[in-house]
Amino acid sequence: FEVFMPIVNIKIVEGRSVEQKRALAKNVTRAVAESIGVPESAIWISIEDLKAENLAQGGELRLDRQ
């Protein structure tokens, strides 16, 4: 069958190191490949750093949470 390119978008609060992002990309790629049976080389990962001031949960900005 034809392999379709999966694109995984990950949004996280900024502050993670490049090493953490490398590990995240590697682990997510492996999990997607195993789960849906596509080669790891076909998987794209997009990691977006979000400022804490732009996220809210339960009516409270992440920036204000302790």
PDB file of N, CA and C in Angstrom:
ATOM      1  N   PHE A   1       0.831  -1.185   0.000  1.00  0.00           N
ATOM      2  CA  PHE A   1       0.000   0.000   0.000  1.00  0.00           C
ATOM      3  C   PHE A   1       0.865   1.234   0.000  1.00  0.00           C
ATOM      4  N   GLU A   2       0.276   2.336  -0.404  1.00  0.00           N
ATOM      5  CA  GLU A   2       1.004   3.601  -0.453  1.00  0.00           C
ATOM      6  C   GLU A   2       1.232   4.129   0.964  1.00  0.00           C
ATOM      7  N   VAL A   3       2.439   4.623   1.226  1.00  0.00           N
ATOM      8  CA  VAL A   3       2.762   5.179   2.543  1.00  0.00           C
ATOM      9  C   VAL A   3       2.435   6.664   2.537  1.00  0.00           C
ATOM     10  N   PHE A   4       1.585   7.065   3.455  1.00  0.00           N
ATOM     11  CA  PHE A   4       1.257   8.473   3.612  1.00  0.00           C
ATOM     12  C   PHE A   4       2.123   9.055   4.708  1.00  0.00           C
ATOM     13  N   MET A   5       2.538  10.273   4.531  1.00  0.00           N
ATOM     14  CA  MET A   5       3.434  10.924   5.459  1.00  0.00           C
ATOM     15  C   MET A   5       2.656  11.425   6.677  1.00  0.00           C
ATOM     16  N   PRO A   6       2.817  10.777   7.839  1.00  0.00           N
ATOM     17  CA  PRO A   6       2.176  11.300   9.042  1.00  0.00           C
ATOM     18  C   PRO A   6       2.901  12.571   9.510  1.00  0.00           C
ATOM     19  N   ILE A   7       2.134  13.551   9.925  1.00  0.00           N
ATOM     20  CA  ILE A   7       2.685  14.774  10.508  1.00  0.00           C
ATOM     21  C   ILE A   7       2.137  14.878  11.924  1.00  0.00           C
ATOM     22  N   VAL A   8       3.031  14.940  12.899  1.00  0.00           N
ATOM     23  CA  VAL A   8       2.645  15.029  14.301  1.00  0.00           C
ATOM     24  C   VAL A   8       3.010  16.416  14.792  1.00  0.00           C
ATOM     25  N   ASN A   9       2.022  17.153  15.301  1.00  0.00           N
ATOM     26  CA  ASN A   9       2.251  18.484  15.859  1.00  0.00           C
ATOM     27  C   ASN A   9       2.243  18.382  17.374  1.00  0.00           C
ATOM     28  N   ILE A  10       3.303  18.868  17.998  1.00  0.00           N
ATOM     29  CA  ILE A  10       3.433  18.841  19.454  1.00  0.00           C
ATOM     30  C   ILE A  10       3.622  20.269  19.937  1.00  0.00           C
ATOM     31  N   LYS A  11       2.786  20.676  20.859  1.00  0.00           N
ATOM     32  CA  LYS A  11       2.904  22.005  21.458  1.00  0.00           C
ATOM     33  C   LYS A  11       3.261  21.825  22.926  1.00  0.00           C
ATOM     34  N   ILE A  12       4.346  22.477  23.347  1.00  0.00           N
ATOM     35  CA  ILE A  12       4.796  22.383  24.729  1.00  0.00           C
ATOM     36  C   ILE A  12       5.151  23.775  25.249  1.00  0.00           C
ATOM     37  N   VAL A  13       5.096  23.925  26.556  1.00  0.00           N
ATOM     38  CA  VAL A  13       5.512  25.185  27.166  1.00  0.00           C
ATOM     39  C   VAL A  13       7.021  25.315  26.957  1.00  0.00           C
ATOM     40  N   GLU A  14       7.440  26.497  26.539  1.00  0.00           N
ATOM     41  CA  GLU A  14       8.853  26.715  26.246  1.00  0.00           C
ATOM     42  C   GLU A  14       9.715  26.449  27.479  1.00  0.00           C
ATOM     43  N   GLY A  15      10.972  26.134  27.211  1.00  0.00           N
ATOM     44  CA  GLY A  15      11.910  25.917  28.295  1.00  0.00           C
ATOM     45  C   GLY A  15      12.591  24.557  28.245  1.00  0.00           C
ATOM     46  N   ARG A  16      12.164  23.681  27.322  1.00  0.00           N
ATOM     47  CA  ARG A  16      12.807  22.376  27.193  1.00  0.00           C
ATOM     48  C   ARG A  16      14.118  22.538  26.426  1.00  0.00           C
ATOM     49  N   SER A  17      15.082  21.704  26.756  1.00  0.00           N
ATOM     50  CA  SER A  17      16.381  21.757  26.087  1.00  0.00           C
ATOM     51  C   SER A  17      16.299  21.092  24.711  1.00  0.00           C
ATOM     52  N   VAL A  18      17.299  21.347  23.894  1.00  0.00           N
ATOM     53  CA  VAL A  18      17.379  20.710  22.581  1.00  0.00           C
ATOM     54  C   VAL A  18      17.470  19.195  22.758  1.00  0.00           C
ATOM     55  N   GLU A  19      18.214  18.732  23.763  1.00  0.00           N
ATOM     56  CA  GLU A  19      18.328  17.297  24.016  1.00  0.00           C
ATOM     57  C   GLU A  19      16.968  16.685  24.344  1.00  0.00           C
ATOM     58  N   GLN A  20      16.164  17.379  25.141  1.00  0.00           N
ATOM     59  CA  GLN A  20      14.820  16.887  25.463  1.00  0.00           C
ATOM     60  C   GLN A  20      13.951  16.816  24.215  1.00  0.00           C
ATOM     61  N   LYS A  21      14.064  17.806  23.346  1.00  0.00           N
ATOM     62  CA  LYS A  21      13.291  17.809  22.111  1.00  0.00           C
ATOM     63  C   LYS A  21      13.757  16.699  21.171  1.00  0.00           C
ATOM     64  N   ARG A  22      15.055  16.439  21.132  1.00  0.00           N
ATOM     65  CA  ARG A  22      15.565  15.324  20.325  1.00  0.00           C
ATOM     66  C   ARG A  22      14.980  13.999  20.810  1.00  0.00           C
ATOM     67  N   ALA A  23      14.987  13.809  22.132  1.00  0.00           N
ATOM     68  CA  ALA A  23      14.443  12.575  22.712  1.00  0.00           C
ATOM     69  C   ALA A  23      12.952  12.460  22.428  1.00  0.00           C
ATOM     70  N   LEU A  24      12.229  13.564  22.557  1.00  0.00           N
ATOM     71  CA  LEU A  24      10.795  13.574  22.278  1.00  0.00           C
ATOM     72  C   LEU A  24      10.529  13.177  20.828  1.00  0.00           C
ATOM     73  N   ALA A  25      11.252  13.795  19.903  1.00  0.00           N
ATOM     74  CA  ALA A  25      11.065  13.492  18.479  1.00  0.00           C
ATOM     75  C   ALA A  25      11.375  12.024  18.188  1.00  0.00           C
ATOM     76  N   LYS A  26      12.447  11.512  18.750  1.00  0.00           N
ATOM     77  CA  LYS A  26      12.829  10.114  18.515  1.00  0.00           C
ATOM     78  C   LYS A  26      11.776   9.157  19.065  1.00  0.00           C
ATOM     79  N   ASN A  27      11.326   9.390  20.298  1.00  0.00           N
ATOM     80  CA  ASN A  27      10.360   8.493  20.932  1.00  0.00           C
ATOM     81  C   ASN A  27       8.986   8.551  20.269  1.00  0.00           C
ATOM     82  N   VAL A  28       8.543   9.749  19.896  1.00  0.00           N
ATOM     83  CA  VAL A  28       7.250   9.881  19.225  1.00  0.00           C
ATOM     84  C   VAL A  28       7.318   9.234  17.844  1.00  0.00           C
ATOM     85  N   THR A  29       8.412   9.447  17.137  1.00  0.00           N
ATOM     86  CA  THR A  29       8.574   8.831  15.820  1.00  0.00           C
ATOM     87  C   THR A  29       8.494   7.316  15.922  1.00  0.00           C
ATOM     88  N   ARG A  30       9.199   6.748  16.879  1.00  0.00           N
ATOM     89  CA  ARG A  30       9.179   5.292  17.062  1.00  0.00           C
ATOM     90  C   ARG A  30       7.766   4.806  17.366  1.00  0.00           C
ATOM     91  N   ALA A  31       7.066   5.504  18.253  1.00  0.00           N
ATOM     92  CA  ALA A  31       5.709   5.093  18.640  1.00  0.00           C
ATOM     93  C   ALA A  31       4.740   5.163  17.461  1.00  0.00           C
ATOM     94  N   VAL A  32       4.834   6.221  16.660  1.00  0.00           N
ATOM     95  CA  VAL A  32       3.946   6.352  15.502  1.00  0.00           C
ATOM     96  C   VAL A  32       4.250   5.262  14.483  1.00  0.00           C
ATOM     97  N   ALA A  33       5.523   5.025  14.210  1.00  0.00           N
ATOM     98  CA  ALA A  33       5.908   3.998  13.241  1.00  0.00           C
ATOM     99  C   ALA A  33       5.380   2.631  13.658  1.00  0.00           C
ATOM    100  N   GLU A  34       5.547   2.293  14.925  1.00  0.00           N
ATOM    101  CA  GLU A  34       5.083   0.996  15.415  1.00  0.00           C
ATOM    102  C   GLU A  34       3.563   0.907  15.426  1.00  0.00           C
ATOM    103  N   SER A  35       2.897   1.997  15.738  1.00  0.00           N
ATOM    104  CA  SER A  35       1.436   1.999  15.871  1.00  0.00           C
ATOM    105  C   SER A  35       0.709   1.889  14.547  1.00  0.00           C
ATOM    106  N   ILE A  36       1.214   2.581  13.519  1.00  0.00           N
ATOM    107  CA  ILE A  36       0.468   2.593  12.258  1.00  0.00           C
ATOM    108  C   ILE A  36       1.214   1.945  11.096  1.00  0.00           C
ATOM    109  N   GLY A  37       2.392   1.381  11.399  1.00  0.00           N
ATOM    110  CA  GLY A  37       3.093   0.604  10.387  1.00  0.00           C
ATOM    111  C   GLY A  37       3.668   1.389   9.229  1.00  0.00           C
ATOM    112  N   VAL A  38       4.260   2.524   9.528  1.00  0.00           N
ATOM    113  CA  VAL A  38       4.948   3.293   8.489  1.00  0.00           C
ATOM    114  C   VAL A  38       6.424   3.397   8.873  1.00  0.00           C
ATOM    115  N   PRO A  39       7.297   3.585   7.892  1.00  0.00           N
ATOM    116  CA  PRO A  39       8.716   3.730   8.222  1.00  0.00           C
ATOM    117  C   PRO A  39       8.976   5.038   8.971  1.00  0.00           C
ATOM    118  N   GLU A  40       9.921   4.988   9.880  1.00  0.00           N
ATOM    119  CA  GLU A  40      10.257   6.195  10.648  1.00  0.00           C
ATOM    120  C   GLU A  40      10.641   7.355   9.733  1.00  0.00           C
ATOM    121  N   SER A  41      11.250   7.055   8.604  1.00  0.00           N
ATOM    122  CA  SER A  41      11.693   8.105   7.679  1.00  0.00           C
ATOM    123  C   SER A  41      10.531   8.871   7.051  1.00  0.00           C
ATOM    124  N   ALA A  42       9.311   8.336   7.143  1.00  0.00           N
ATOM    125  CA  ALA A  42       8.140   8.998   6.562  1.00  0.00           C
ATOM    126  C   ALA A  42       7.455   9.942   7.536  1.00  0.00           C
ATOM    127  N   ILE A  43       7.888   9.945   8.784  1.00  0.00           N
ATOM    128  CA  ILE A  43       7.181  10.682   9.843  1.00  0.00           C
ATOM    129  C   ILE A  43       7.826  12.042  10.070  1.00  0.00           C
ATOM    130  N   TRP A  44       6.976  13.057  10.069  1.00  0.00           N
ATOM    131  CA  TRP A  44       7.411  14.415  10.365  1.00  0.00           C
ATOM    132  C   TRP A  44       6.904  14.801  11.744  1.00  0.00           C
ATOM    133  N   ILE A  45       7.753  15.478  12.528  1.00  0.00           N
ATOM    134  CA  ILE A  45       7.383  15.966  13.853  1.00  0.00           C
ATOM    135  C   ILE A  45       7.582  17.479  13.855  1.00  0.00           C
ATOM    136  N   SER A  46       6.563  18.203  14.309  1.00  0.00           N
ATOM    137  CA  SER A  46       6.660  19.648  14.468  1.00  0.00           C
ATOM    138  C   SER A  46       6.506  19.961  15.954  1.00  0.00           C
ATOM    139  N   ILE A  47       7.525  20.599  16.535  1.00  0.00           N
ATOM    140  CA  ILE A  47       7.480  20.962  17.944  1.00  0.00           C
ATOM    141  C   ILE A  47       7.363  22.478  18.030  1.00  0.00           C
ATOM    142  N   GLU A  48       6.331  22.922  18.702  1.00  0.00           N
ATOM    143  CA  GLU A  48       6.094  24.365  18.853  1.00  0.00           C
ATOM    144  C   GLU A  48       6.222  24.741  20.325  1.00  0.00           C
ATOM    145  N   ASP A  49       7.127  25.674  20.605  1.00  0.00           N
ATOM    146  CA  ASP A  49       7.279  26.191  21.961  1.00  0.00           C
ATOM    147  C   ASP A  49       6.244  27.284  22.203  1.00  0.00           C
ATOM    148  N   LEU A  50       5.497  27.138  23.271  1.00  0.00           N
ATOM    149  CA  LEU A  50       4.480  28.124  23.617  1.00  0.00           C
ATOM    150  C   LEU A  50       4.895  28.879  24.869  1.00  0.00           C
ATOM    151  N   LYS A  51       4.687  30.164  24.856  1.00  0.00           N
ATOM    152  CA  LYS A  51       4.955  30.968  26.047  1.00  0.00           C
ATOM    153  C   LYS A  51       3.886  30.669  27.093  1.00  0.00           C
ATOM    154  N   ALA A  52       4.304  30.593  28.338  1.00  0.00           N
ATOM    155  CA  ALA A  52       3.385  30.299  29.432  1.00  0.00           C
ATOM    156  C   ALA A  52       2.269  31.339  29.522  1.00  0.00           C
ATOM    157  N   GLU A  53       2.547  32.546  29.083  1.00  0.00           N
ATOM    158  CA  GLU A  53       1.534  33.609  29.139  1.00  0.00           C
ATOM    159  C   GLU A  53       0.437  33.421  28.092  1.00  0.00           C
ATOM    160  N   ASN A  54       0.647  32.511  27.147  1.00  0.00           N
ATOM    161  CA  ASN A  54      -0.339  32.270  26.094  1.00  0.00           C
ATOM    162  C   ASN A  54      -1.133  30.989  26.289  1.00  0.00           C
ATOM    163  N   LEU A  55      -0.994  30.346  27.433  1.00  0.00           N
ATOM    164  CA  LEU A  55      -1.738  29.126  27.751  1.00  0.00           C
ATOM    165  C   LEU A  55      -2.511  29.314  29.042  1.00  0.00           C
ATOM    166  N   ALA A  56      -3.726  28.805  29.061  1.00  0.00           N
ATOM    167  CA  ALA A  56      -4.533  28.863  30.275  1.00  0.00           C
ATOM    168  C   ALA A  56      -5.196  27.515  30.496  1.00  0.00           C
ATOM    169  N   GLN A  57      -5.373  27.159  31.754  1.00  0.00           N
ATOM    170  CA  GLN A  57      -6.083  25.939  32.127  1.00  0.00           C
ATOM    171  C   GLN A  57      -6.972  26.285  33.308  1.00  0.00           C
ATOM    172  N   GLY A  58      -8.224  25.897  33.223  1.00  0.00           N
ATOM    173  CA  GLY A  58      -9.160  26.169  34.309  1.00  0.00           C
ATOM    174  C   GLY A  58      -9.328  27.651  34.593  1.00  0.00           C
ATOM    175  N   GLY A  59      -9.194  28.462  33.540  1.00  0.00           N
ATOM    176  CA  GLY A  59      -9.386  29.901  33.694  1.00  0.00           C
ATOM    177  C   GLY A  59      -8.178  30.633  34.247  1.00  0.00           C
ATOM    178  N   GLU A  60      -7.062  29.953  34.386  1.00  0.00           N
ATOM    179  CA  GLU A  60      -5.861  30.568  34.967  1.00  0.00           C
ATOM    180  C   GLU A  60      -4.701  30.425  33.997  1.00  0.00           C
ATOM    181  N   LEU A  61      -3.985  31.533  33.758  1.00  0.00           N
ATOM    182  CA  LEU A  61      -2.830  31.474  32.879  1.00  0.00           C
ATOM    183  C   LEU A  61      -1.769  30.547  33.467  1.00  0.00           C
ATOM    184  N   ARG A  62      -1.142  29.798  32.610  1.00  0.00           N
ATOM    185  CA  ARG A  62      -0.081  28.894  33.033  1.00  0.00           C
ATOM    186  C   ARG A  62       1.019  29.693  33.735  1.00  0.00           C
ATOM    187  N   LEU A  63       1.235  30.896  33.270  1.00  0.00           N
ATOM    188  CA  LEU A  63       2.228  31.777  33.860  1.00  0.00           C
ATOM    189  C   LEU A  63       1.956  32.036  35.337  1.00  0.00           C
ATOM    190  N   ASP A  64       0.696  32.078  35.724  1.00  0.00           N
ATOM    191  CA  ASP A  64       0.297  32.382  37.102  1.00  0.00           C
ATOM    192  C   ASP A  64       0.222  31.153  38.005  1.00  0.00           C
ATOM    193  N   ARG A  65       0.334  29.974  37.413  1.00  0.00           N
ATOM    194  CA  ARG A  65       0.245  28.737  38.208  1.00  0.00           C
ATOM    195  C   ARG A  65       1.557  28.441  38.893  1.00  0.00           C
ATOM    196  N   GLN A  66       1.498  27.925  40.059  1.00  0.00           N
ATOM    197  CA  GLN A  66       2.722  27.588  40.806  1.00  0.00           C
ATOM    198  C   GLN A  66       2.988  26.110  40.773  1.00  0.00           C
TER     199      GLN A  66
END
